[in-house]
Amino acid sequence: MEVDLRQDGENLIVRLTGELDHHSATRLRRTIDRRLDKGEVRNLILNFQQVSFMDSSGVGVILGRYRRVKGRGGKMALCLIPAGILKVLEISGVPKIIPFMESEKQALEAVSQW
């Protein structure tokens, strides 16, 4: 899995590429947590456009980051989710907790307005 981090003000945008499984979940979690721990960002956006596979380990990473962001008063959104990944997220109940957006721009606007 490749991870590209971009900061836009108090928003951290994480663009993911490849497979988000038990092998890559720990690295992704640590990468995001290091940025959150710096205290420079409040909101988190995960861009799934280039993710080809995700298992329950990926769901765990998402929900864990949501709890951390929410605990700090921030917001989180997911965007550009491929159909196969969407199905995993829907089965896991993630859409009931975290909003899904059709674009990165829409996600940025949403976390900035809440």
PDB file of N, CA and C in Angstrom:
ATOM      1  N   MET A   1       0.843  -1.178   0.000  1.00  0.00           N
ATOM      2  CA  MET A   1       0.000   0.000   0.000  1.00  0.00           C
ATOM      3  C   MET A   1       0.882   1.233   0.000  1.00  0.00           C
ATOM      4  N   GLU A   2       0.548   2.173  -0.868  1.00  0.00           N
ATOM      5  CA  GLU A   2       1.204   3.474  -0.880  1.00  0.00           C
ATOM      6  C   GLU A   2       0.286   4.480  -0.201  1.00  0.00           C
ATOM      7  N   VAL A   3       0.895   5.390   0.561  1.00  0.00           N
ATOM      8  CA  VAL A   3       0.143   6.389   1.309  1.00  0.00           C
ATOM      9  C   VAL A   3       0.714   7.761   0.980  1.00  0.00           C
ATOM     10  N   ASP A   4      -0.140   8.654   0.504  1.00  0.00           N
ATOM     11  CA  ASP A   4       0.258  10.023   0.198  1.00  0.00           C
ATOM     12  C   ASP A   4      -0.502  10.950   1.136  1.00  0.00           C
ATOM     13  N   LEU A   5       0.236  11.712   1.941  1.00  0.00           N
ATOM     14  CA  LEU A   5      -0.377  12.637   2.887  1.00  0.00           C
ATOM     15  C   LEU A   5      -0.265  14.063   2.369  1.00  0.00           C
ATOM     16  N   ARG A   6      -1.362  14.789   2.480  1.00  0.00           N
ATOM     17  CA  ARG A   6      -1.364  16.202   2.095  1.00  0.00           C
ATOM     18  C   ARG A   6      -2.154  16.963   3.140  1.00  0.00           C
ATOM     19  N   GLN A   7      -1.564  18.044   3.604  1.00  0.00           N
ATOM     20  CA  GLN A   7      -2.243  18.869   4.594  1.00  0.00           C
ATOM     21  C   GLN A   7      -2.808  20.110   3.915  1.00  0.00           C
ATOM     22  N   ASP A   8      -4.054  20.403   4.210  1.00  0.00           N
ATOM     23  CA  ASP A   8      -4.735  21.588   3.703  1.00  0.00           C
ATOM     24  C   ASP A   8      -5.319  22.297   4.917  1.00  0.00           C
ATOM     25  N   GLY A   9      -4.569  23.248   5.454  1.00  0.00           N
ATOM     26  CA  GLY A   9      -5.001  23.915   6.683  1.00  0.00           C
ATOM     27  C   GLY A   9      -5.028  22.923   7.823  1.00  0.00           C
ATOM     28  N   GLU A  10      -6.185  22.802   8.474  1.00  0.00           N
ATOM     29  CA  GLU A  10      -6.308  21.862   9.581  1.00  0.00           C
ATOM     30  C   GLU A  10      -6.833  20.498   9.131  1.00  0.00           C
ATOM     31  N   ASN A  11      -6.804  20.258   7.832  1.00  0.00           N
ATOM     32  CA  ASN A  11      -7.293  19.004   7.265  1.00  0.00           C
ATOM     33  C   ASN A  11      -6.134  18.153   6.756  1.00  0.00           C
ATOM     34  N   LEU A  12      -6.162  16.863   7.078  1.00  0.00           N
ATOM     35  CA  LEU A  12      -5.189  15.914   6.553  1.00  0.00           C
ATOM     36  C   LEU A  12      -5.899  15.043   5.531  1.00  0.00           C
ATOM     37  N   ILE A  13      -5.406  15.079   4.304  1.00  0.00           N
ATOM     38  CA  ILE A  13      -5.951  14.250   3.230  1.00  0.00           C
ATOM     39  C   ILE A  13      -4.986  13.094   3.014  1.00  0.00           C
ATOM     40  N   VAL A  14      -5.521  11.886   3.099  1.00  0.00           N
ATOM     41  CA  VAL A  14      -4.709  10.678   2.931  1.00  0.00           C
ATOM     42  C   VAL A  14      -5.194   9.970   1.676  1.00  0.00           C
ATOM     43  N   ARG A  15      -4.321   9.913   0.676  1.00  0.00           N
ATOM     44  CA  ARG A  15      -4.638   9.221  -0.580  1.00  0.00           C
ATOM     45  C   ARG A  15      -3.982   7.846  -0.534  1.00  0.00           C
ATOM     46  N   LEU A  16      -4.803   6.825  -0.673  1.00  0.00           N
ATOM     47  CA  LEU A  16      -4.346   5.444  -0.550  1.00  0.00           C
ATOM     48  C   LEU A  16      -4.280   4.776  -1.918  1.00  0.00           C
ATOM     49  N   THR A  17      -3.273   3.944  -2.113  1.00  0.00           N
ATOM     50  CA  THR A  17      -3.126   3.200  -3.360  1.00  0.00           C
ATOM     51  C   THR A  17      -2.738   1.767  -3.031  1.00  0.00           C
ATOM     52  N   GLY A  18      -3.461   0.816  -3.610  1.00  0.00           N
ATOM     53  CA  GLY A  18      -3.125  -0.593  -3.420  1.00  0.00           C
ATOM     54  C   GLY A  18      -4.103  -1.312  -2.523  1.00  0.00           C
ATOM     55  N   GLU A  19      -3.592  -2.282  -1.774  1.00  0.00           N
ATOM     56  CA  GLU A  19      -4.417  -3.131  -0.925  1.00  0.00           C
ATOM     57  C   GLU A  19      -4.294  -2.721   0.538  1.00  0.00           C
ATOM     58  N   LEU A  20      -5.436  -2.558   1.175  1.00  0.00           N
ATOM     59  CA  LEU A  20      -5.478  -2.240   2.598  1.00  0.00           C
ATOM     60  C   LEU A  20      -5.918  -3.510   3.329  1.00  0.00           C
ATOM     61  N   ASP A  21      -4.928  -4.275   3.762  1.00  0.00           N
ATOM     62  CA  ASP A  21      -5.188  -5.540   4.437  1.00  0.00           C
ATOM     63  C   ASP A  21      -4.392  -5.605   5.732  1.00  0.00           C
ATOM     64  N   HIS A  22      -4.385  -6.768   6.367  1.00  0.00           N
ATOM     65  CA  HIS A  22      -3.702  -6.880   7.653  1.00  0.00           C
ATOM     66  C   HIS A  22      -2.207  -6.592   7.562  1.00  0.00           C
ATOM     67  N   HIS A  23      -1.610  -6.761   6.386  1.00  0.00           N
ATOM     68  CA  HIS A  23      -0.181  -6.463   6.207  1.00  0.00           C
ATOM     69  C   HIS A  23       0.098  -4.964   6.190  1.00  0.00           C
ATOM     70  N   SER A  24      -0.792  -4.198   5.627  1.00  0.00           N
ATOM     71  CA  SER A  24      -0.550  -2.757   5.486  1.00  0.00           C
ATOM     72  C   SER A  24      -1.281  -1.915   6.535  1.00  0.00           C
ATOM     73  N   ALA A  25      -2.225  -2.506   7.247  1.00  0.00           N
ATOM     74  CA  ALA A  25      -3.042  -1.736   8.190  1.00  0.00           C
ATOM     75  C   ALA A  25      -2.212  -1.114   9.315  1.00  0.00           C
ATOM     76  N   THR A  26      -1.285  -1.848   9.861  1.00  0.00           N
ATOM     77  CA  THR A  26      -0.476  -1.321  10.964  1.00  0.00           C
ATOM     78  C   THR A  26       0.346  -0.127  10.510  1.00  0.00           C
ATOM     79  N   ARG A  27       0.957  -0.232   9.350  1.00  0.00           N
ATOM     80  CA  ARG A  27       1.759   0.878   8.825  1.00  0.00           C
ATOM     81  C   ARG A  27       0.905   2.108   8.569  1.00  0.00           C
ATOM     82  N   LEU A  28      -0.276   1.907   7.990  1.00  0.00           N
ATOM     83  CA  LEU A  28      -1.177   3.028   7.730  1.00  0.00           C
ATOM     84  C   LEU A  28      -1.603   3.688   9.031  1.00  0.00           C
ATOM     85  N   ARG A  29      -1.969   2.887  10.006  1.00  0.00           N
ATOM     86  CA  ARG A  29      -2.385   3.407  11.304  1.00  0.00           C
ATOM     87  C   ARG A  29      -1.276   4.265  11.916  1.00  0.00           C
ATOM     88  N   ARG A  30      -0.068   3.755  11.914  1.00  0.00           N
ATOM     89  CA  ARG A  30       1.062   4.500  12.490  1.00  0.00           C
ATOM     90  C   ARG A  30       1.338   5.792  11.726  1.00  0.00           C
ATOM     91  N   THR A  31       1.259   5.730  10.412  1.00  0.00           N
ATOM     92  CA  THR A  31       1.518   6.913   9.580  1.00  0.00           C
ATOM     93  C   THR A  31       0.523   8.025   9.887  1.00  0.00           C
ATOM     94  N   ILE A  32      -0.747   7.681   9.930  1.00  0.00           N
ATOM     95  CA  ILE A  32      -1.775   8.684  10.216  1.00  0.00           C
ATOM     96  C   ILE A  32      -1.650   9.180  11.653  1.00  0.00           C
ATOM     97  N   ASP A  33      -1.451   8.263  12.588  1.00  0.00           N
ATOM     98  CA  ASP A  33      -1.365   8.658  14.000  1.00  0.00           C
ATOM     99  C   ASP A  33      -0.200   9.608  14.256  1.00  0.00           C
ATOM    100  N   ARG A  34       0.929   9.391  13.593  1.00  0.00           N
ATOM    101  CA  ARG A  34       2.064  10.317  13.761  1.00  0.00           C
ATOM    102  C   ARG A  34       1.672  11.742  13.385  1.00  0.00           C
ATOM    103  N   ARG A  35       0.927  11.875  12.291  1.00  0.00           N
ATOM    104  CA  ARG A  35       0.491  13.217  11.869  1.00  0.00           C
ATOM    105  C   ARG A  35      -0.537  13.792  12.834  1.00  0.00           C
ATOM    106  N   LEU A  36      -1.449  12.970  13.302  1.00  0.00           N
ATOM    107  CA  LEU A  36      -2.448  13.448  14.251  1.00  0.00           C
ATOM    108  C   LEU A  36      -1.788  13.871  15.561  1.00  0.00           C
ATOM    109  N   ASP A  37      -0.777  13.126  15.978  1.00  0.00           N
ATOM    110  CA  ASP A  37      -0.095  13.424  17.241  1.00  0.00           C
ATOM    111  C   ASP A  37       0.651  14.757  17.215  1.00  0.00           C
ATOM    112  N   LYS A  38       1.015  15.220  16.036  1.00  0.00           N
ATOM    113  CA  LYS A  38       1.710  16.507  15.933  1.00  0.00           C
ATOM    114  C   LYS A  38       0.797  17.674  16.303  1.00  0.00           C
ATOM    115  N   GLY A  39      -0.509  17.454  16.237  1.00  0.00           N
ATOM    116  CA  GLY A  39      -1.466  18.487  16.626  1.00  0.00           C
ATOM    117  C   GLY A  39      -1.706  19.564  15.579  1.00  0.00           C
ATOM    118  N   GLU A  40      -1.201  19.364  14.374  1.00  0.00           N
ATOM    119  CA  GLU A  40      -1.362  20.368  13.325  1.00  0.00           C
ATOM    120  C   GLU A  40      -2.661  20.207  12.546  1.00  0.00           C
ATOM    121  N   VAL A  41      -3.261  19.037  12.630  1.00  0.00           N
ATOM    122  CA  VAL A  41      -4.494  18.783  11.875  1.00  0.00           C
ATOM    123  C   VAL A  41      -5.623  18.421  12.825  1.00  0.00           C
ATOM    124  N   ARG A  42      -6.813  18.740  12.384  1.00  0.00           N
ATOM    125  CA  ARG A  42      -8.010  18.463  13.181  1.00  0.00           C
ATOM    126  C   ARG A  42      -8.914  17.451  12.476  1.00  0.00           C
ATOM    127  N   ASN A  43      -9.032  17.586  11.163  1.00  0.00           N
ATOM    128  CA  ASN A  43      -9.951  16.760  10.378  1.00  0.00           C
ATOM    129  C   ASN A  43      -9.182  15.788   9.495  1.00  0.00           C
ATOM    130  N   LEU A  44      -9.826  14.677   9.158  1.00  0.00           N
ATOM    131  CA  LEU A  44      -9.185  13.629   8.364  1.00  0.00           C
ATOM    132  C   LEU A  44     -10.080  13.217   7.205  1.00  0.00           C
ATOM    133  N   ILE A  45      -9.471  13.156   6.029  1.00  0.00           N
ATOM    134  CA  ILE A  45     -10.164  12.687   4.825  1.00  0.00           C
ATOM    135  C   ILE A  45      -9.360  11.531   4.260  1.00  0.00           C
ATOM    136  N   LEU A  46     -10.025  10.415   4.020  1.00  0.00           N
ATOM    137  CA  LEU A  46      -9.380   9.269   3.389  1.00  0.00           C
ATOM    138  C   LEU A  46      -9.924   9.118   1.980  1.00  0.00           C
ATOM    139  N   ASN A  47      -9.021   9.139   1.002  1.00  0.00           N
ATOM    140  CA  ASN A  47      -9.366   9.012  -0.408  1.00  0.00           C
ATOM    141  C   ASN A  47      -9.057   7.576  -0.833  1.00  0.00           C
ATOM    142  N   PHE A  48     -10.084   6.829  -1.218  1.00  0.00           N
ATOM    143  CA  PHE A  48      -9.959   5.419  -1.570  1.00  0.00           C
ATOM    144  C   PHE A  48      -9.924   5.168  -3.074  1.00  0.00           C
ATOM    145  N   GLN A  49      -9.790   6.193  -3.866  1.00  0.00           N
ATOM    146  CA  GLN A  49      -9.912   6.050  -5.315  1.00  0.00           C
ATOM    147  C   GLN A  49      -9.015   4.956  -5.899  1.00  0.00           C
ATOM    148  N   GLN A  50      -7.820   4.806  -5.377  1.00  0.00           N
ATOM    149  CA  GLN A  50      -6.872   3.836  -5.932  1.00  0.00           C
ATOM    150  C   GLN A  50      -6.707   2.571  -5.079  1.00  0.00           C
ATOM    151  N   VAL A  51      -7.662   2.318  -4.197  1.00  0.00           N
ATOM    152  CA  VAL A  51      -7.600   1.116  -3.359  1.00  0.00           C
ATOM    153  C   VAL A  51      -8.266  -0.034  -4.108  1.00  0.00           C
ATOM    154  N   SER A  52      -7.529  -1.124  -4.266  1.00  0.00           N
ATOM    155  CA  SER A  52      -8.041  -2.265  -5.031  1.00  0.00           C
ATOM    156  C   SER A  52      -8.645  -3.359  -4.156  1.00  0.00           C
ATOM    157  N   PHE A  53      -8.297  -3.377  -2.858  1.00  0.00           N
ATOM    158  CA  PHE A  53      -8.803  -4.401  -1.961  1.00  0.00           C
ATOM    159  C   PHE A  53      -8.742  -3.875  -0.538  1.00  0.00           C
ATOM    160  N   MET A  54      -9.730  -4.273   0.285  1.00  0.00           N
ATOM    161  CA  MET A  54      -9.697  -3.935   1.694  1.00  0.00           C
ATOM    162  C   MET A  54     -10.397  -5.043   2.477  1.00  0.00           C
ATOM    163  N   ASP A  55      -9.788  -5.431   3.605  1.00  0.00           N
ATOM    164  CA  ASP A  55     -10.418  -6.419   4.470  1.00  0.00           C
ATOM    165  C   ASP A  55     -10.803  -5.767   5.798  1.00  0.00           C
ATOM    166  N   SER A  56     -11.169  -6.581   6.765  1.00  0.00           N
ATOM    167  CA  SER A  56     -11.642  -6.045   8.044  1.00  0.00           C
ATOM    168  C   SER A  56     -10.556  -5.265   8.787  1.00  0.00           C
ATOM    169  N   SER A  57      -9.298  -5.541   8.518  1.00  0.00           N
ATOM    170  CA  SER A  57      -8.214  -4.764   9.138  1.00  0.00           C
ATOM    171  C   SER A  57      -8.300  -3.306   8.709  1.00  0.00           C
ATOM    172  N   GLY A  58      -8.658  -3.073   7.460  1.00  0.00           N
ATOM    173  CA  GLY A  58      -8.835  -1.710   6.955  1.00  0.00           C
ATOM    174  C   GLY A  58      -9.990  -1.009   7.641  1.00  0.00           C
ATOM    175  N   VAL A  59     -11.065  -1.739   7.870  1.00  0.00           N
ATOM    176  CA  VAL A  59     -12.214  -1.170   8.581  1.00  0.00           C
ATOM    177  C   VAL A  59     -11.783  -0.770   9.984  1.00  0.00           C
ATOM    178  N   GLY A  60     -10.985  -1.600  10.626  1.00  0.00           N
ATOM    179  CA  GLY A  60     -10.487  -1.286  11.961  1.00  0.00           C
ATOM    180  C   GLY A  60      -9.647  -0.021  11.987  1.00  0.00           C
ATOM    181  N   VAL A  61      -8.809   0.156  10.978  1.00  0.00           N
ATOM    182  CA  VAL A  61      -7.997   1.376  10.886  1.00  0.00           C
ATOM    183  C   VAL A  61      -8.902   2.598  10.742  1.00  0.00           C
ATOM    184  N   ILE A  62      -9.896   2.508   9.891  1.00  0.00           N
ATOM    185  CA  ILE A  62     -10.814   3.628   9.660  1.00  0.00           C
ATOM    186  C   ILE A  62     -11.537   3.994  10.962  1.00  0.00           C
ATOM    187  N   LEU A  63     -12.112   3.014  11.612  1.00  0.00           N
ATOM    188  CA  LEU A  63     -12.881   3.290  12.828  1.00  0.00           C
ATOM    189  C   LEU A  63     -11.992   3.796  13.967  1.00  0.00           C
ATOM    190  N   GLY A  64     -10.799   3.267  14.066  1.00  0.00           N
ATOM    191  CA  GLY A  64      -9.872   3.748  15.083  1.00  0.00           C
ATOM    192  C   GLY A  64      -9.459   5.190  14.864  1.00  0.00           C
ATOM    193  N   ARG A  65      -9.211   5.564  13.606  1.00  0.00           N
ATOM    194  CA  ARG A  65      -8.848   6.949  13.309  1.00  0.00           C
ATOM    195  C   ARG A  65     -10.056   7.857  13.541  1.00  0.00           C
ATOM    196  N   TYR A  66     -11.253   7.372  13.238  1.00  0.00           N
ATOM    197  CA  TYR A  66     -12.463   8.153  13.489  1.00  0.00           C
ATOM    198  C   TYR A  66     -12.582   8.490  14.975  1.00  0.00           C
ATOM    199  N   ARG A  67     -12.382   7.496  15.826  1.00  0.00           N
ATOM    200  CA  ARG A  67     -12.464   7.737  17.272  1.00  0.00           C
ATOM    201  C   ARG A  67     -11.426   8.765  17.723  1.00  0.00           C
ATOM    202  N   ARG A  68     -10.227   8.678  17.202  1.00  0.00           N
ATOM    203  CA  ARG A  68      -9.173   9.628  17.578  1.00  0.00           C
ATOM    204  C   ARG A  68      -9.523  11.041  17.126  1.00  0.00           C
ATOM    205  N   VAL A  69      -9.952  11.170  15.877  1.00  0.00           N
ATOM    206  CA  VAL A  69     -10.288  12.490  15.329  1.00  0.00           C
ATOM    207  C   VAL A  69     -11.480  13.080  16.078  1.00  0.00           C
ATOM    208  N   LYS A  70     -12.507  12.287  16.260  1.00  0.00           N
ATOM    209  CA  LYS A  70     -13.703  12.765  16.957  1.00  0.00           C
ATOM    210  C   LYS A  70     -13.374  13.152  18.397  1.00  0.00           C
ATOM    211  N   GLY A  71     -12.518  12.375  19.050  1.00  0.00           N
ATOM    212  CA  GLY A  71     -12.123  12.666  20.419  1.00  0.00           C
ATOM    213  C   GLY A  71     -11.405  13.993  20.572  1.00  0.00           C
ATOM    214  N   ARG A  72     -10.850  14.488  19.479  1.00  0.00           N
ATOM    215  CA  ARG A  72     -10.156  15.780  19.481  1.00  0.00           C
ATOM    216  C   ARG A  72     -11.033  16.896  18.928  1.00  0.00           C
ATOM    217  N   GLY A  73     -12.307  16.595  18.715  1.00  0.00           N
ATOM    218  CA  GLY A  73     -13.224  17.606  18.203  1.00  0.00           C
ATOM    219  C   GLY A  73     -13.180  17.788  16.704  1.00  0.00           C
ATOM    220  N   GLY A  74     -12.554  16.858  15.993  1.00  0.00           N
ATOM    221  CA  GLY A  74     -12.442  16.956  14.538  1.00  0.00           C
ATOM    222  C   GLY A  74     -13.511  16.147  13.828  1.00  0.00           C
ATOM    223  N   LYS A  75     -13.462  16.200  12.512  1.00  0.00           N
ATOM    224  CA  LYS A  75     -14.417  15.502  11.657  1.00  0.00           C
ATOM    225  C   LYS A  75     -13.662  14.608  10.679  1.00  0.00           C
ATOM    226  N   MET A  76     -14.355  13.634  10.141  1.00  0.00           N
ATOM    227  CA  MET A  76     -13.745  12.706   9.198  1.00  0.00           C
ATOM    228  C   MET A  76     -14.718  12.420   8.072  1.00  0.00           C
ATOM    229  N   ALA A  77     -14.166  12.213   6.877  1.00  0.00           N
ATOM    230  CA  ALA A  77     -14.969  11.833   5.720  1.00  0.00           C
ATOM    231  C   ALA A  77     -14.145  10.888   4.844  1.00  0.00           C
ATOM    232  N   LEU A  78     -14.848  10.034   4.121  1.00  0.00           N
ATOM    233  CA  LEU A  78     -14.221   9.138   3.152  1.00  0.00           C
ATOM    234  C   LEU A  78     -14.701   9.555   1.775  1.00  0.00           C
ATOM    235  N   CYS A  79     -13.826   9.416   0.770  1.00  0.00           N
ATOM    236  CA  CYS A  79     -14.255   9.828  -0.568  1.00  0.00           C
ATOM    237  C   CYS A  79     -13.711   8.899  -1.655  1.00  0.00           C
ATOM    238  N   LEU A  80     -14.353   8.994  -2.807  1.00  0.00           N
ATOM    239  CA  LEU A  80     -13.975   8.272  -4.015  1.00  0.00           C
ATOM    240  C   LEU A  80     -13.795   6.776  -3.753  1.00  0.00           C
ATOM    241  N   ILE A  81     -14.843   6.164  -3.253  1.00  0.00           N
ATOM    242  CA  ILE A  81     -14.787   4.769  -2.809  1.00  0.00           C
ATOM    243  C   ILE A  81     -15.224   3.833  -3.946  1.00  0.00           C
ATOM    244  N   PRO A  82     -14.331   2.950  -4.400  1.00  0.00           N
ATOM    245  CA  PRO A  82     -14.702   1.984  -5.435  1.00  0.00           C
ATOM    246  C   PRO A  82     -15.791   1.021  -4.940  1.00  0.00           C
ATOM    247  N   ALA A  83     -16.541   0.457  -5.865  1.00  0.00           N
ATOM    248  CA  ALA A  83     -17.684  -0.398  -5.530  1.00  0.00           C
ATOM    249  C   ALA A  83     -17.322  -1.559  -4.605  1.00  0.00           C
ATOM    250  N   GLY A  84     -16.220  -2.236  -4.856  1.00  0.00           N
ATOM    251  CA  GLY A  84     -15.833  -3.371  -4.020  1.00  0.00           C
ATOM    252  C   GLY A  84     -15.512  -2.962  -2.596  1.00  0.00           C
ATOM    253  N   ILE A  85     -14.896  -1.817  -2.435  1.00  0.00           N
ATOM    254  CA  ILE A  85     -14.557  -1.299  -1.113  1.00  0.00           C
ATOM    255  C   ILE A  85     -15.831  -0.801  -0.422  1.00  0.00           C
ATOM    256  N   LEU A  86     -16.700  -0.181  -1.188  1.00  0.00           N
ATOM    257  CA  LEU A  86     -17.963   0.328  -0.655  1.00  0.00           C
ATOM    258  C   LEU A  86     -18.775  -0.793  -0.018  1.00  0.00           C
ATOM    259  N   LYS A  87     -18.786  -1.934  -0.665  1.00  0.00           N
ATOM    260  CA  LYS A  87     -19.547  -3.069  -0.138  1.00  0.00           C
ATOM    261  C   LYS A  87     -19.014  -3.495   1.237  1.00  0.00           C
ATOM    262  N   VAL A  88     -17.697  -3.567   1.383  1.00  0.00           N
ATOM    263  CA  VAL A  88     -17.094  -3.932   2.680  1.00  0.00           C
ATOM    264  C   VAL A  88     -17.479  -2.910   3.744  1.00  0.00           C
ATOM    265  N   LEU A  89     -17.413  -1.628   3.384  1.00  0.00           N
ATOM    266  CA  LEU A  89     -17.737  -0.567   4.334  1.00  0.00           C
ATOM    267  C   LEU A  89     -19.211  -0.593   4.724  1.00  0.00           C
ATOM    268  N   GLU A  90     -20.083  -0.834   3.758  1.00  0.00           N
ATOM    269  CA  GLU A  90     -21.516  -0.892   4.045  1.00  0.00           C
ATOM    270  C   GLU A  90     -21.853  -2.064   4.961  1.00  0.00           C
ATOM    271  N   ILE A  91     -21.270  -3.227   4.705  1.00  0.00           N
ATOM    272  CA  ILE A  91     -21.510  -4.402   5.541  1.00  0.00           C
ATOM    273  C   ILE A  91     -21.051  -4.143   6.973  1.00  0.00           C
ATOM    274  N   SER A  92     -19.981  -3.364   7.104  1.00  0.00           N
ATOM    275  CA  SER A  92     -19.415  -3.051   8.420  1.00  0.00           C
ATOM    276  C   SER A  92     -20.158  -1.935   9.139  1.00  0.00           C
ATOM    277  N   GLY A  93     -21.088  -1.271   8.463  1.00  0.00           N
ATOM    278  CA  GLY A  93     -21.861  -0.198   9.083  1.00  0.00           C
ATOM    279  C   GLY A  93     -21.164   1.154   9.136  1.00  0.00           C
ATOM    280  N   VAL A  94     -20.063   1.294   8.433  1.00  0.00           N
ATOM    281  CA  VAL A  94     -19.295   2.543   8.465  1.00  0.00           C
ATOM    282  C   VAL A  94     -20.098   3.752   7.982  1.00  0.00           C
ATOM    283  N   PRO A  95     -20.948   3.627   6.944  1.00  0.00           N
ATOM    284  CA  PRO A  95     -21.696   4.817   6.483  1.00  0.00           C
ATOM    285  C   PRO A  95     -22.635   5.411   7.528  1.00  0.00           C
ATOM    286  N   LYS A  96     -22.984   4.652   8.558  1.00  0.00           N
ATOM    287  CA  LYS A  96     -23.840   5.176   9.619  1.00  0.00           C
ATOM    288  C   LYS A  96     -23.070   6.120  10.536  1.00  0.00           C
ATOM    289  N   ILE A  97     -21.738   6.051  10.458  1.00  0.00           N
ATOM    290  CA  ILE A  97     -20.882   6.816  11.367  1.00  0.00           C
ATOM    291  C   ILE A  97     -20.111   7.917  10.647  1.00  0.00           C
ATOM    292  N   ILE A  98     -19.536   7.567   9.497  1.00  0.00           N
ATOM    293  CA  ILE A  98     -18.653   8.474   8.759  1.00  0.00           C
ATOM    294  C   ILE A  98     -19.280   8.771   7.397  1.00  0.00           C
ATOM    295  N   PRO A  99     -19.378  10.052   7.022  1.00  0.00           N
ATOM    296  CA  PRO A  99     -19.969  10.378   5.723  1.00  0.00           C
ATOM    297  C   PRO A  99     -19.062   9.999   4.552  1.00  0.00           C
ATOM    298  N   PHE A 100     -19.697   9.579   3.470  1.00  0.00           N
ATOM    299  CA  PHE A 100     -19.008   9.252   2.224  1.00  0.00           C
ATOM    300  C   PHE A 100     -19.271  10.382   1.236  1.00  0.00           C
ATOM    301  N   MET A 101     -18.221  10.853   0.577  1.00  0.00           N
ATOM    302  CA  MET A 101     -18.338  11.946  -0.381  1.00  0.00           C
ATOM    303  C   MET A 101     -17.875  11.479  -1.761  1.00  0.00           C
ATOM    304  N   GLU A 102     -18.368  12.153  -2.787  1.00  0.00           N
ATOM    305  CA  GLU A 102     -18.050  11.764  -4.146  1.00  0.00           C
ATOM    306  C   GLU A 102     -16.733  12.334  -4.650  1.00  0.00           C
ATOM    307  N   SER A 103     -16.195  13.332  -3.969  1.00  0.00           N
ATOM    308  CA  SER A 103     -14.928  13.925  -4.393  1.00  0.00           C
ATOM    309  C   SER A 103     -14.148  14.417  -3.180  1.00  0.00           C
ATOM    310  N   GLU A 104     -12.868  14.646  -3.390  1.00  0.00           N
ATOM    311  CA  GLU A 104     -12.032  15.205  -2.330  1.00  0.00           C
ATOM    312  C   GLU A 104     -12.485  16.622  -1.984  1.00  0.00           C
ATOM    313  N   LYS A 105     -12.849  17.379  -3.002  1.00  0.00           N
ATOM    314  CA  LYS A 105     -13.313  18.750  -2.789  1.00  0.00           C
ATOM    315  C   LYS A 105     -14.571  18.756  -1.916  1.00  0.00           C
ATOM    316  N   GLN A 106     -15.504  17.878  -2.226  1.00  0.00           N
ATOM    317  CA  GLN A 106     -16.732  17.774  -1.451  1.00  0.00           C
ATOM    318  C   GLN A 106     -16.421  17.363  -0.008  1.00  0.00           C
ATOM    319  N   ALA A 107     -15.484  16.449   0.174  1.00  0.00           N
ATOM    320  CA  ALA A 107     -15.105  16.017   1.514  1.00  0.00           C
ATOM    321  C   ALA A 107     -14.474  17.160   2.301  1.00  0.00           C
ATOM    322  N   LEU A 108     -13.606  17.938   1.644  1.00  0.00           N
ATOM    323  CA  LEU A 108     -12.988  19.096   2.298  1.00  0.00           C
ATOM    324  C   LEU A 108     -14.044  20.105   2.742  1.00  0.00           C
ATOM    325  N   GLU A 109     -14.981  20.381   1.856  1.00  0.00           N
ATOM    326  CA  GLU A 109     -16.048  21.321   2.194  1.00  0.00           C
ATOM    327  C   GLU A 109     -16.880  20.810   3.369  1.00  0.00           C
ATOM    328  N   ALA A 110     -17.160  19.503   3.353  1.00  0.00           N
ATOM    329  CA  ALA A 110     -17.997  18.928   4.399  1.00  0.00           C
ATOM    330  C   ALA A 110     -17.321  18.986   5.770  1.00  0.00           C
ATOM    331  N   VAL A 111     -16.059  18.590   5.863  1.00  0.00           N
ATOM    332  CA  VAL A 111     -15.413  18.612   7.182  1.00  0.00           C
ATOM    333  C   VAL A 111     -15.169  20.023   7.665  1.00  0.00           C
ATOM    334  N   SER A 112     -15.047  20.956   6.753  1.00  0.00           N
ATOM    335  CA  SER A 112     -14.830  22.353   7.129  1.00  0.00           C
ATOM    336  C   SER A 112     -16.118  23.009   7.611  1.00  0.00           C
ATOM    337  N   GLN A 113     -17.277  22.521   7.192  1.00  0.00           N
ATOM    338  CA  GLN A 113     -18.561  23.150   7.531  1.00  0.00           C
ATOM    339  C   GLN A 113     -19.177  22.604   8.805  1.00  0.00           C
ATOM    340  N   TRP A 114     -18.785  21.424   9.254  1.00  0.00           N
ATOM    341  CA  TRP A 114     -19.432  20.845  10.427  1.00  0.00           C
ATOM    342  C   TRP A 114     -19.062  21.570  11.664  1.00  0.00           C
TER     343      TRP A 114
END
